[in-house]
Amino acid sequence: MSIYRYPVVVEGEGTNYGAYVPDLPGCIAVGDSSEEVLSLMRGALRMHLAAMVKDGDPIPEPSAPEALHLVPGVETVHQLEIEVGVQV
């Protein structure tokens, strides 16, 4: 098992929220609330990293949250810690 901690950017309002991991292109989630999108992102991030590990792809170092260029008042950053266990 390996533990990964990545920043996740969340944007949205009302019942339209999206999230993405800047360090992992294509790792996204959408939901009706910020809580739902973060829950869905946890699963998306776990599957994305597990596929990378299984395929032998290099896992990029996570960006520092303070280094991300966010749209003020629109985007927020959260840290998600994911445990990935893959048998190769």
N, C-alpha and C. Protein backbone atom coordinates (compact mmCIF):
# COMPACT_ATOMS: atom_id res chain seq x y z
N MET A 1 0.84 -1.18 0.00
CA MET A 1 0.00 0.00 0.00
C MET A 1 0.88 1.25 0.00
N SER A 2 0.45 2.21 -0.79
CA SER A 2 1.13 3.50 -0.82
C SER A 2 0.11 4.59 -0.52
N ILE A 3 0.56 5.65 0.10
CA ILE A 3 -0.31 6.77 0.42
C ILE A 3 0.13 7.97 -0.42
N TYR A 4 -0.83 8.58 -1.08
CA TYR A 4 -0.60 9.75 -1.91
C TYR A 4 -1.46 10.89 -1.39
N ARG A 5 -0.92 12.11 -1.46
CA ARG A 5 -1.65 13.29 -0.99
C ARG A 5 -1.56 14.35 -2.08
N TYR A 6 -2.70 14.63 -2.72
CA TYR A 6 -2.74 15.57 -3.83
C TYR A 6 -3.70 16.71 -3.57
N PRO A 7 -3.36 17.91 -4.09
CA PRO A 7 -4.32 19.01 -4.03
C PRO A 7 -5.41 18.80 -5.08
N VAL A 8 -6.63 19.12 -4.69
CA VAL A 8 -7.79 19.01 -5.57
C VAL A 8 -8.44 20.39 -5.64
N VAL A 9 -8.68 20.87 -6.85
CA VAL A 9 -9.33 22.17 -7.04
C VAL A 9 -10.81 21.93 -7.26
N VAL A 10 -11.64 22.65 -6.48
CA VAL A 10 -13.10 22.55 -6.58
C VAL A 10 -13.63 23.91 -7.01
N GLU A 11 -14.58 23.87 -7.95
CA GLU A 11 -15.24 25.10 -8.37
C GLU A 11 -16.72 24.81 -8.58
N GLY A 12 -17.54 25.82 -8.39
CA GLY A 12 -18.96 25.65 -8.63
C GLY A 12 -19.81 26.43 -7.66
N GLU A 13 -21.11 26.33 -7.88
CA GLU A 13 -22.09 26.96 -7.00
C GLU A 13 -23.44 26.30 -7.23
N GLY A 14 -24.34 26.51 -6.28
CA GLY A 14 -25.66 25.91 -6.42
C GLY A 14 -25.58 24.40 -6.41
N THR A 15 -26.01 23.78 -7.51
CA THR A 15 -25.96 22.32 -7.62
C THR A 15 -25.05 21.87 -8.76
N ASN A 16 -24.07 22.68 -9.10
CA ASN A 16 -23.11 22.34 -10.16
C ASN A 16 -21.69 22.54 -9.66
N TYR A 17 -21.02 21.43 -9.36
CA TYR A 17 -19.65 21.49 -8.86
C TYR A 17 -18.76 20.58 -9.69
N GLY A 18 -17.54 21.01 -9.89
CA GLY A 18 -16.54 20.21 -10.58
C GLY A 18 -15.25 20.23 -9.77
N ALA A 19 -14.46 19.19 -9.94
CA ALA A 19 -13.17 19.11 -9.26
C ALA A 19 -12.15 18.47 -10.19
N TYR A 20 -10.90 18.89 -10.03
CA TYR A 20 -9.82 18.29 -10.82
C TYR A 20 -8.53 18.30 -10.02
N VAL A 21 -7.62 17.42 -10.43
CA VAL A 21 -6.31 17.34 -9.80
C VAL A 21 -5.31 17.92 -10.81
N PRO A 22 -4.75 19.10 -10.53
CA PRO A 22 -3.86 19.74 -11.49
C PRO A 22 -2.66 18.87 -11.91
N ASP A 23 -2.21 18.00 -11.03
CA ASP A 23 -1.04 17.17 -11.32
C ASP A 23 -1.36 15.91 -12.12
N LEU A 24 -2.64 15.60 -12.28
CA LEU A 24 -3.06 14.37 -12.95
C LEU A 24 -4.12 14.70 -14.00
N PRO A 25 -3.69 15.12 -15.20
CA PRO A 25 -4.65 15.47 -16.25
C PRO A 25 -5.66 14.34 -16.49
N GLY A 26 -6.92 14.72 -16.58
CA GLY A 26 -7.97 13.74 -16.82
C GLY A 26 -8.62 13.21 -15.57
N CYS A 27 -8.07 13.52 -14.41
CA CYS A 27 -8.64 13.06 -13.14
C CYS A 27 -9.62 14.14 -12.67
N ILE A 28 -10.92 13.92 -12.96
CA ILE A 28 -11.94 14.91 -12.68
C ILE A 28 -13.16 14.25 -12.04
N ALA A 29 -14.03 15.07 -11.48
CA ALA A 29 -15.31 14.60 -10.93
C ALA A 29 -16.28 15.76 -10.97
N VAL A 30 -17.58 15.44 -11.07
CA VAL A 30 -18.63 16.45 -11.00
C VAL A 30 -19.69 15.97 -10.03
N GLY A 31 -20.36 16.92 -9.39
CA GLY A 31 -21.39 16.56 -8.42
C GLY A 31 -22.31 17.71 -8.12
N ASP A 32 -23.30 17.46 -7.26
CA ASP A 32 -24.31 18.45 -6.92
C ASP A 32 -23.91 19.38 -5.78
N SER A 33 -22.85 19.04 -5.05
CA SER A 33 -22.38 19.86 -3.94
C SER A 33 -20.87 19.69 -3.82
N SER A 34 -20.25 20.57 -3.04
CA SER A 34 -18.80 20.44 -2.85
C SER A 34 -18.48 19.15 -2.10
N GLU A 35 -19.34 18.76 -1.16
CA GLU A 35 -19.12 17.52 -0.42
C GLU A 35 -19.21 16.31 -1.34
N GLU A 36 -20.22 16.30 -2.23
CA GLU A 36 -20.37 15.17 -3.15
C GLU A 36 -19.21 15.09 -4.13
N VAL A 37 -18.80 16.24 -4.66
CA VAL A 37 -17.73 16.21 -5.65
C VAL A 37 -16.42 15.77 -5.01
N LEU A 38 -16.17 16.13 -3.76
CA LEU A 38 -14.95 15.66 -3.09
C LEU A 38 -15.02 14.16 -2.80
N SER A 39 -16.19 13.66 -2.46
CA SER A 39 -16.35 12.22 -2.26
C SER A 39 -16.12 11.46 -3.57
N LEU A 40 -16.70 11.95 -4.65
CA LEU A 40 -16.50 11.32 -5.95
C LEU A 40 -15.05 11.43 -6.41
N MET A 41 -14.42 12.57 -6.10
CA MET A 41 -13.02 12.76 -6.48
C MET A 41 -12.11 11.78 -5.76
N ARG A 42 -12.44 11.45 -4.53
CA ARG A 42 -11.64 10.49 -3.77
C ARG A 42 -11.59 9.16 -4.54
N GLY A 43 -12.73 8.71 -5.05
CA GLY A 43 -12.77 7.47 -5.83
C GLY A 43 -12.06 7.61 -7.16
N ALA A 44 -12.26 8.74 -7.84
CA ALA A 44 -11.61 8.98 -9.13
C ALA A 44 -10.09 9.02 -8.97
N LEU A 45 -9.62 9.68 -7.93
CA LEU A 45 -8.19 9.77 -7.67
C LEU A 45 -7.60 8.40 -7.35
N ARG A 46 -8.31 7.62 -6.55
CA ARG A 46 -7.85 6.27 -6.21
C ARG A 46 -7.72 5.42 -7.48
N MET A 47 -8.74 5.44 -8.34
CA MET A 47 -8.71 4.65 -9.58
C MET A 47 -7.63 5.13 -10.53
N HIS A 48 -7.47 6.44 -10.64
CA HIS A 48 -6.46 7.02 -11.53
C HIS A 48 -5.05 6.59 -11.10
N LEU A 49 -4.76 6.74 -9.82
CA LEU A 49 -3.43 6.38 -9.31
C LEU A 49 -3.21 4.87 -9.39
N ALA A 50 -4.22 4.07 -9.09
CA ALA A 50 -4.08 2.61 -9.15
C ALA A 50 -3.76 2.18 -10.58
N ALA A 51 -4.41 2.80 -11.57
CA ALA A 51 -4.14 2.46 -12.97
C ALA A 51 -2.72 2.85 -13.36
N MET A 52 -2.27 4.01 -12.88
CA MET A 52 -0.90 4.44 -13.18
C MET A 52 0.12 3.47 -12.58
N VAL A 53 -0.11 3.07 -11.32
CA VAL A 53 0.80 2.13 -10.65
C VAL A 53 0.81 0.80 -11.40
N LYS A 54 -0.37 0.29 -11.71
CA LYS A 54 -0.48 -1.00 -12.40
C LYS A 54 0.21 -0.97 -13.76
N ASP A 55 0.08 0.16 -14.47
CA ASP A 55 0.69 0.29 -15.80
C ASP A 55 2.18 0.64 -15.75
N GLY A 56 2.70 0.89 -14.55
CA GLY A 56 4.11 1.24 -14.41
C GLY A 56 4.42 2.68 -14.79
N ASP A 57 3.39 3.52 -14.84
CA ASP A 57 3.61 4.93 -15.16
C ASP A 57 4.19 5.66 -13.96
N PRO A 58 5.04 6.65 -14.20
CA PRO A 58 5.58 7.41 -13.07
C PRO A 58 4.49 8.24 -12.41
N ILE A 59 4.51 8.29 -11.10
CA ILE A 59 3.56 9.08 -10.34
C ILE A 59 4.17 10.46 -10.09
N PRO A 60 3.53 11.53 -10.59
CA PRO A 60 4.12 12.86 -10.41
C PRO A 60 4.06 13.32 -8.95
N GLU A 61 5.03 14.12 -8.59
CA GLU A 61 5.02 14.74 -7.27
C GLU A 61 3.85 15.70 -7.19
N PRO A 62 3.15 15.72 -6.05
CA PRO A 62 2.05 16.67 -5.92
C PRO A 62 2.53 18.11 -5.81
N SER A 63 1.76 19.00 -6.39
CA SER A 63 2.06 20.43 -6.28
C SER A 63 1.74 20.90 -4.87
N ALA A 64 2.43 21.93 -4.46
CA ALA A 64 2.09 22.58 -3.19
C ALA A 64 0.82 23.39 -3.42
N PRO A 65 -0.19 23.24 -2.55
CA PRO A 65 -1.44 23.99 -2.76
C PRO A 65 -1.23 25.49 -2.94
N GLU A 66 -0.28 26.06 -2.22
CA GLU A 66 -0.05 27.51 -2.33
C GLU A 66 0.58 27.90 -3.66
N ALA A 67 1.09 26.93 -4.42
CA ALA A 67 1.68 27.22 -5.72
C ALA A 67 0.65 27.23 -6.85
N LEU A 68 -0.57 26.79 -6.56
CA LEU A 68 -1.60 26.75 -7.59
C LEU A 68 -2.18 28.14 -7.83
N HIS A 69 -2.49 28.43 -9.07
CA HIS A 69 -3.07 29.72 -9.45
C HIS A 69 -4.58 29.54 -9.55
N LEU A 70 -5.28 29.90 -8.48
CA LEU A 70 -6.72 29.74 -8.41
C LEU A 70 -7.44 31.02 -8.79
N VAL A 71 -8.66 30.86 -9.28
CA VAL A 71 -9.52 32.01 -9.55
C VAL A 71 -10.16 32.42 -8.22
N PRO A 72 -9.79 33.57 -7.68
CA PRO A 72 -10.32 33.99 -6.37
C PRO A 72 -11.85 34.04 -6.36
N GLY A 73 -12.43 33.52 -5.30
CA GLY A 73 -13.87 33.53 -5.15
C GLY A 73 -14.60 32.47 -5.97
N VAL A 74 -13.86 31.74 -6.81
CA VAL A 74 -14.49 30.72 -7.66
C VAL A 74 -13.94 29.33 -7.33
N GLU A 75 -12.64 29.23 -7.20
CA GLU A 75 -11.99 27.94 -6.96
C GLU A 75 -11.44 27.86 -5.54
N THR A 76 -11.54 26.68 -4.95
CA THR A 76 -10.92 26.42 -3.66
C THR A 76 -10.07 25.17 -3.80
N VAL A 77 -9.06 25.05 -2.95
CA VAL A 77 -8.19 23.88 -3.01
C VAL A 77 -8.35 23.06 -1.73
N HIS A 78 -8.37 21.76 -1.90
CA HIS A 78 -8.49 20.80 -0.81
C HIS A 78 -7.38 19.77 -0.98
N GLN A 79 -6.93 19.19 0.10
CA GLN A 79 -5.95 18.11 0.05
C GLN A 79 -6.67 16.78 0.26
N LEU A 80 -6.46 15.83 -0.63
CA LEU A 80 -7.01 14.49 -0.45
C LEU A 80 -5.88 13.50 -0.29
N GLU A 81 -5.98 12.68 0.73
CA GLU A 81 -5.01 11.63 0.98
C GLU A 81 -5.65 10.30 0.57
N ILE A 82 -4.98 9.58 -0.32
CA ILE A 82 -5.51 8.35 -0.89
C ILE A 82 -4.53 7.22 -0.65
N GLU A 83 -5.04 6.09 -0.20
CA GLU A 83 -4.24 4.89 -0.04
C GLU A 83 -4.51 3.98 -1.24
N VAL A 84 -3.46 3.58 -1.92
CA VAL A 84 -3.59 2.76 -3.12
C VAL A 84 -2.80 1.48 -2.92
N GLY A 85 -3.47 0.38 -3.14
CA GLY A 85 -2.80 -0.92 -3.07
C GLY A 85 -3.08 -1.69 -4.34
N VAL A 86 -2.03 -1.99 -5.11
CA VAL A 86 -2.18 -2.68 -6.38
C VAL A 86 -1.16 -3.81 -6.42
N GLN A 87 -1.62 -4.98 -6.81
CA GLN A 87 -0.70 -6.09 -7.01
C GLN A 87 -0.29 -6.07 -8.47
N VAL A 88 1.01 -6.04 -8.71
CA VAL A 88 1.51 -5.99 -10.08
C VAL A 88 1.95 -7.38 -10.50
